């Protein structure tokens, strides 16, 4: 949700804070303290300029995030918690008043994408690579064995349920660039990425791209780096929902105690990726 022109600095600061904490429950008192105003004055000023209260604006942010989750092909339950709703009841109450339809109905109306995908063997096993006209939107990994291609195709069509997915040749020789990067993750990535997720997820994924090969970050450090130190669980969820394996390097995020944590594509791959990057950076 973008800001509206011709609003003053105080309200603009409040909007920035709400956008950065869209997955949290922000009270009026917390927001007022963050921007240096009294709660009553901020409420009046915010509503006069935007036509809604900070609480109503925060609710719209959550619904926008929920729509983004559904349009990315995620299940309603997963989208509910990823968007910051504490329960399905909270979502349905909000949806009835703001969407005019149930979340399941919204899920069936997700806007479609045109995705071309290809399958290749690589250093990490079998890889499915998908792209829109704007860039690579999916890289899935599996074992190089009979039946893996069908499993990867099913996963793509589940995650991008509303998309038109067609097997073919990716544009601009992007396949070669992806394969090269999967073989050597310390090398620069020579293909564009098309992030498909909620605003919060995209913030996490972009922050992941800034972690140098050979280095690691904890989930809490990653949350702090995007300005949401209390959103550690949401950051972990965004890592788990990353559809562009390795190119968005969520394998570089580990637990505080040094443990590997989770990895969508298997802990053995995560361990191998980190070991190879550590050797290359020495």
Protein backbone atom coordinates (compact mmCIF):
# COMPACT_ATOMS: atom_id res chain seq x y z
CA UNK A 1 0.00 0.00 0.00
CA UNK A 2 1.64 3.24 -1.14
CA UNK A 3 1.54 6.65 0.52
CA UNK A 4 -0.74 9.42 -0.75
CA UNK A 5 0.63 12.73 -2.08
CA UNK A 6 0.29 15.97 -0.11
CA UNK A 7 0.44 14.51 3.37
CA UNK A 8 2.62 16.05 6.05
CA UNK A 9 5.78 14.62 7.56
CA UNK A 10 4.16 13.27 10.74
CA UNK A 11 1.57 11.22 8.87
CA UNK A 12 4.19 10.10 6.36
CA UNK A 13 6.33 8.83 9.27
CA UNK A 14 3.32 6.99 10.66
CA UNK A 15 2.71 5.34 7.27
CA UNK A 16 6.31 4.22 7.03
CA UNK A 17 6.14 2.70 10.53
CA UNK A 18 2.87 0.89 9.78
CA UNK A 19 4.24 -0.51 6.52
CA UNK A 20 7.39 -1.73 8.26
CA UNK A 21 5.31 -3.45 10.96
CA UNK A 22 2.44 -4.70 8.82
CA UNK A 23 2.69 -8.20 10.28
CA UNK A 24 2.48 -6.89 13.88
CA UNK A 25 -0.39 -5.50 15.95
CA UNK A 26 0.53 -1.81 16.28
CA UNK A 27 -1.38 0.10 18.95
CA UNK A 28 -2.17 3.78 18.59
CA UNK A 29 0.02 4.50 21.63
CA UNK A 30 3.01 2.66 20.08
CA UNK A 31 2.56 4.46 16.77
CA UNK A 32 2.23 7.87 18.44
CA UNK A 33 5.40 7.27 20.46
CA UNK A 34 7.28 6.25 17.31
CA UNK A 35 6.43 9.51 15.50
CA UNK A 36 6.57 11.80 18.56
CA UNK A 37 2.93 12.87 18.82
CA UNK A 38 0.16 12.37 21.32
CA UNK A 39 -2.22 9.49 20.45
CA UNK A 40 -5.24 11.78 20.21
CA UNK A 41 -3.51 14.31 17.95
CA UNK A 42 -2.06 11.61 15.68
CA UNK A 43 -5.44 9.89 15.34
CA UNK A 44 -7.16 13.14 14.37
CA UNK A 45 -4.42 14.20 11.97
CA UNK A 46 -4.14 10.77 10.32
CA UNK A 47 -7.86 10.47 9.74
CA UNK A 48 -8.20 14.04 8.42
CA UNK A 49 -5.55 13.44 5.77
CA UNK A 50 -6.22 9.82 4.81
CA UNK A 51 -9.89 9.38 5.61
CA UNK A 52 -9.24 6.41 7.89
CA UNK A 53 -7.72 5.71 11.28
CA UNK A 54 -4.27 4.11 11.74
CA UNK A 55 -6.03 0.95 12.85
CA UNK A 56 -8.11 0.84 9.66
CA UNK A 57 -5.01 1.46 7.56
CA UNK A 58 -3.23 -1.42 9.32
CA UNK A 59 -6.20 -3.69 8.60
CA UNK A 60 -6.00 -2.81 4.91
CA UNK A 61 -2.28 -3.64 4.90
CA UNK A 62 -3.00 -7.09 6.31
CA UNK A 63 -5.70 -7.73 3.73
CA UNK A 64 -3.36 -6.62 0.96
CA UNK A 65 -0.72 -9.01 2.28
CA UNK A 66 -3.32 -11.79 2.46
CA UNK A 67 -4.33 -11.20 -1.17
CA UNK A 68 -0.69 -11.35 -2.20
CA UNK A 69 -0.24 -14.69 -0.45
CA UNK A 70 -3.27 -16.12 -2.22
CA UNK A 71 -2.22 -14.76 -5.61
CA UNK A 72 1.13 -16.52 -5.12
CA UNK A 73 -0.79 -19.79 -4.84
CA UNK A 74 -0.52 -20.33 -1.07
CA UNK A 75 -3.25 -22.13 0.86
CA UNK A 76 -5.74 -20.02 2.81
CA UNK A 77 -4.42 -21.25 6.17
CA UNK A 78 -0.81 -20.47 5.27
CA UNK A 79 -1.79 -17.07 3.87
CA UNK A 80 -3.72 -16.25 7.04
CA UNK A 81 -0.74 -16.54 9.38
CA UNK A 82 1.84 -15.19 6.90
CA UNK A 83 -0.24 -12.00 6.60
CA UNK A 84 -0.11 -11.50 10.37
CA UNK A 85 -3.57 -12.70 11.44
CA UNK A 86 -3.49 -14.46 14.79
CA UNK A 87 -6.40 -16.73 13.88
CA UNK A 88 -8.71 -17.62 11.03
CA UNK A 89 -11.57 -15.97 12.94
CA UNK A 90 -9.78 -12.61 12.86
CA UNK A 91 -9.28 -12.96 9.11
CA UNK A 92 -12.87 -13.89 8.37
CA UNK A 93 -14.21 -11.00 10.45
CA UNK A 94 -12.00 -8.61 8.53
CA UNK A 95 -12.77 -10.22 5.18
CA UNK A 96 -16.53 -9.98 5.60
CA UNK A 97 -16.36 -6.24 6.17
CA UNK A 98 -13.54 -5.29 3.81
CA UNK A 99 -13.50 -7.86 1.01
CA UNK A 100 -17.20 -8.57 0.67
CA UNK A 101 -16.37 -12.25 0.17
CA UNK A 102 -14.79 -15.16 2.00
CA UNK A 103 -11.05 -15.84 1.80
CA UNK A 104 -11.74 -19.04 -0.14
CA UNK A 105 -13.56 -16.98 -2.78
CA UNK A 106 -10.65 -14.59 -2.99
CA UNK A 107 -8.28 -17.53 -3.44
CA UNK A 108 -10.24 -18.71 -6.48
CA UNK A 109 -10.01 -15.23 -8.02
CA UNK A 110 -6.21 -14.93 -7.89
CA UNK A 111 -4.82 -13.08 -10.87
CA UNK A 112 -3.05 -15.42 -13.32
CA UNK A 113 0.52 -15.23 -14.57
CA UNK A 114 2.14 -16.62 -17.70
CA UNK A 115 5.06 -18.79 -16.54
CA UNK A 116 7.40 -20.74 -18.81
CA UNK A 117 9.39 -23.46 -17.04
CA UNK A 118 12.17 -25.89 -17.88
CA UNK A 119 13.77 -28.86 -16.11
CA UNK A 120 17.51 -29.63 -16.00
CA UNK A 121 20.02 -31.62 -14.02
CA UNK A 122 22.48 -29.50 -12.05
CA UNK A 123 25.10 -29.67 -9.31
CA UNK A 124 22.32 -29.88 -6.68
CA UNK A 125 20.24 -32.57 -8.35
CA UNK A 126 17.25 -31.83 -10.53
CA UNK A 127 16.11 -28.23 -10.99
CA UNK A 128 12.85 -26.74 -12.23
CA UNK A 129 13.28 -23.16 -13.41
CA UNK A 130 10.30 -20.91 -14.08
CA UNK A 131 10.15 -17.39 -15.45
CA UNK A 132 7.73 -14.67 -16.39
CA UNK A 133 8.58 -12.09 -19.03
CA UNK A 134 10.11 -9.97 -16.22
CA UNK A 135 12.53 -12.51 -14.75
CA UNK A 136 13.01 -15.79 -12.91
CA UNK A 137 10.15 -16.43 -10.48
CA UNK A 138 10.83 -20.03 -9.45
CA UNK A 139 13.73 -22.42 -8.93
CA UNK A 140 12.80 -25.72 -7.30
CA UNK A 141 15.24 -28.48 -6.39
CA UNK A 142 14.77 -32.22 -6.22
CA UNK A 143 16.70 -35.49 -6.34
CA UNK A 144 17.83 -36.72 -9.75
CA UNK A 145 15.57 -39.77 -9.86
CA UNK A 146 12.50 -41.10 -11.64
CA UNK A 147 9.36 -39.13 -10.82
CA UNK A 148 11.11 -35.99 -9.56
CA UNK A 149 10.16 -33.90 -12.58
CA UNK A 150 6.46 -34.61 -12.03
CA UNK A 151 6.78 -33.72 -8.34
CA UNK A 152 8.48 -30.42 -9.14
CA UNK A 153 5.84 -29.59 -11.75
CA UNK A 154 3.06 -30.29 -9.25
CA UNK A 155 4.75 -28.04 -6.70
CA UNK A 156 5.00 -25.20 -9.23
CA UNK A 157 1.35 -25.52 -10.20
CA UNK A 158 0.33 -25.62 -6.54
CA UNK A 159 2.30 -22.54 -5.52
CA UNK A 160 1.23 -20.62 -8.65
CA UNK A 161 -2.25 -22.09 -8.75
CA UNK A 162 -3.82 -19.26 -10.77
CA UNK A 163 -0.99 -19.06 -13.32
CA UNK A 164 -0.76 -20.42 -16.86
CA UNK A 165 2.31 -22.68 -16.55
CA UNK A 166 3.81 -23.98 -19.81
CA UNK A 167 6.92 -26.10 -20.28
CA UNK A 168 9.35 -24.58 -22.77
CA UNK A 169 12.55 -22.60 -23.18
CA UNK A 170 13.19 -19.68 -20.83
CA UNK A 171 13.88 -16.34 -22.55
CA UNK A 172 17.30 -14.73 -23.00
CA UNK A 173 19.26 -17.89 -22.19
CA UNK A 174 18.32 -17.52 -18.50
CA UNK A 175 18.56 -21.29 -18.05
CA UNK A 176 22.33 -21.18 -18.58
CA UNK A 177 22.72 -18.38 -16.07
CA UNK A 178 20.71 -20.28 -13.44
CA UNK A 179 22.63 -23.53 -13.93
CA UNK A 180 25.95 -21.68 -13.68
CA UNK A 181 24.91 -20.03 -10.43
CA UNK A 182 23.67 -23.30 -8.93
CA UNK A 183 27.12 -24.73 -9.68
CA UNK A 184 28.98 -21.78 -8.14
CA UNK A 185 26.90 -19.63 -5.79
CA UNK A 186 29.86 -17.32 -5.16
CA UNK A 187 29.72 -16.16 -8.79
CA UNK A 188 27.61 -13.09 -9.68
CA UNK A 189 24.05 -13.88 -10.71
CA UNK A 190 23.49 -12.87 -14.32
CA UNK A 191 19.70 -13.21 -14.55
CA UNK A 192 16.88 -10.91 -13.35
CA UNK A 193 14.51 -12.07 -10.63
CA UNK A 194 10.75 -11.57 -10.57
CA UNK A 195 9.74 -11.54 -6.89
CA UNK A 196 6.19 -12.82 -6.42
CA UNK A 197 5.06 -12.34 -2.84
CA UNK A 198 3.69 -9.93 -0.28
CA UNK A 199 5.48 -6.65 0.44
CA UNK A 200 6.88 -8.14 3.65
CA UNK A 201 8.15 -11.27 1.89
CA UNK A 202 9.81 -9.20 -0.81
CA UNK A 203 11.60 -7.14 1.87
CA UNK A 204 12.93 -10.36 3.39
CA UNK A 205 13.96 -11.80 0.03
CA UNK A 206 15.78 -8.63 -0.98
CA UNK A 207 17.61 -8.61 2.35
CA UNK A 208 18.66 -12.21 1.73
CA UNK A 209 20.18 -11.15 -1.60
CA UNK A 210 22.42 -8.74 0.33
CA UNK A 211 24.08 -11.49 2.40
CA UNK A 212 27.50 -12.17 0.82
CA UNK A 213 28.45 -15.72 -0.11
CA UNK A 214 30.41 -17.29 2.73
CA UNK A 215 28.55 -15.33 5.42
CA UNK A 216 25.53 -16.26 7.54
CA UNK A 217 22.77 -14.40 9.33
CA UNK A 218 20.47 -15.49 12.12
CA UNK A 219 16.72 -15.16 11.69
CA UNK A 220 16.65 -12.46 14.36
CA UNK A 221 19.47 -10.52 12.65
CA UNK A 222 17.60 -10.70 9.36
CA UNK A 223 14.43 -9.43 11.03
CA UNK A 224 16.37 -6.52 12.52
CA UNK A 225 17.96 -5.69 9.16
CA UNK A 226 14.54 -5.08 7.58
CA UNK A 227 13.33 -2.93 10.48
CA UNK A 228 11.05 -5.57 12.05
CA UNK A 229 13.01 -7.04 14.99
CA UNK A 230 9.91 -8.63 16.51
CA UNK A 231 8.96 -10.45 13.32
CA UNK A 232 11.41 -13.35 13.63
CA UNK A 233 8.74 -15.99 13.05
CA UNK A 234 7.37 -14.13 10.02
CA UNK A 235 10.90 -13.87 8.62
CA UNK A 236 11.31 -17.62 9.01
CA UNK A 237 8.02 -18.15 7.21
CA UNK A 238 9.12 -15.88 4.35
CA UNK A 239 12.33 -17.89 4.01
CA UNK A 240 10.33 -21.10 3.89
CA UNK A 241 8.03 -19.69 1.19
CA UNK A 242 10.88 -18.51 -1.01
CA UNK A 243 10.19 -20.03 -4.43
CA UNK A 244 13.56 -19.08 -5.98
CA UNK A 245 15.97 -21.55 -4.40
CA UNK A 246 19.64 -20.53 -4.03
CA UNK A 247 19.27 -17.43 -6.23
CA UNK A 248 17.53 -15.93 -3.19
CA UNK A 249 19.95 -17.43 -0.66
CA UNK A 250 17.80 -18.35 2.32
CA UNK A 251 20.32 -21.16 2.93
CA UNK A 252 22.55 -18.47 4.48
CA UNK A 253 20.15 -18.00 7.42
CA UNK A 254 20.74 -20.14 10.52
CA UNK A 255 19.60 -20.32 14.13
CA UNK A 256 21.14 -18.34 16.99
CA UNK A 257 22.59 -21.51 18.50
CA UNK A 258 24.47 -22.26 15.28
CA UNK A 259 22.03 -24.93 14.12
CA UNK A 260 21.05 -24.99 10.46
CA UNK A 261 17.36 -24.40 11.09
CA UNK A 262 14.98 -25.44 8.33
CA UNK A 263 15.42 -25.50 4.57
CA UNK A 264 12.69 -26.09 2.03
CA UNK A 265 15.02 -28.06 -0.25
CA UNK A 266 16.56 -30.34 2.39
CA UNK A 267 19.16 -29.85 5.11
CA UNK A 268 21.80 -31.83 3.20
CA UNK A 269 21.64 -29.29 0.38
CA UNK A 270 21.81 -26.42 2.84
CA UNK A 271 24.84 -27.96 4.54
CA UNK A 272 26.58 -28.52 1.20
CA UNK A 273 25.86 -25.00 -0.02
CA UNK A 274 27.26 -23.41 3.13
CA UNK A 275 30.32 -25.65 3.11
CA UNK A 276 31.11 -24.84 -0.52
CA UNK A 277 30.69 -21.12 0.05
CA UNK A 278 32.92 -21.21 3.13
CA UNK A 279 35.68 -22.94 1.16
CA UNK A 280 35.40 -20.48 -1.73
CA UNK A 281 35.62 -17.46 0.58
CA UNK A 282 38.79 -18.64 2.35
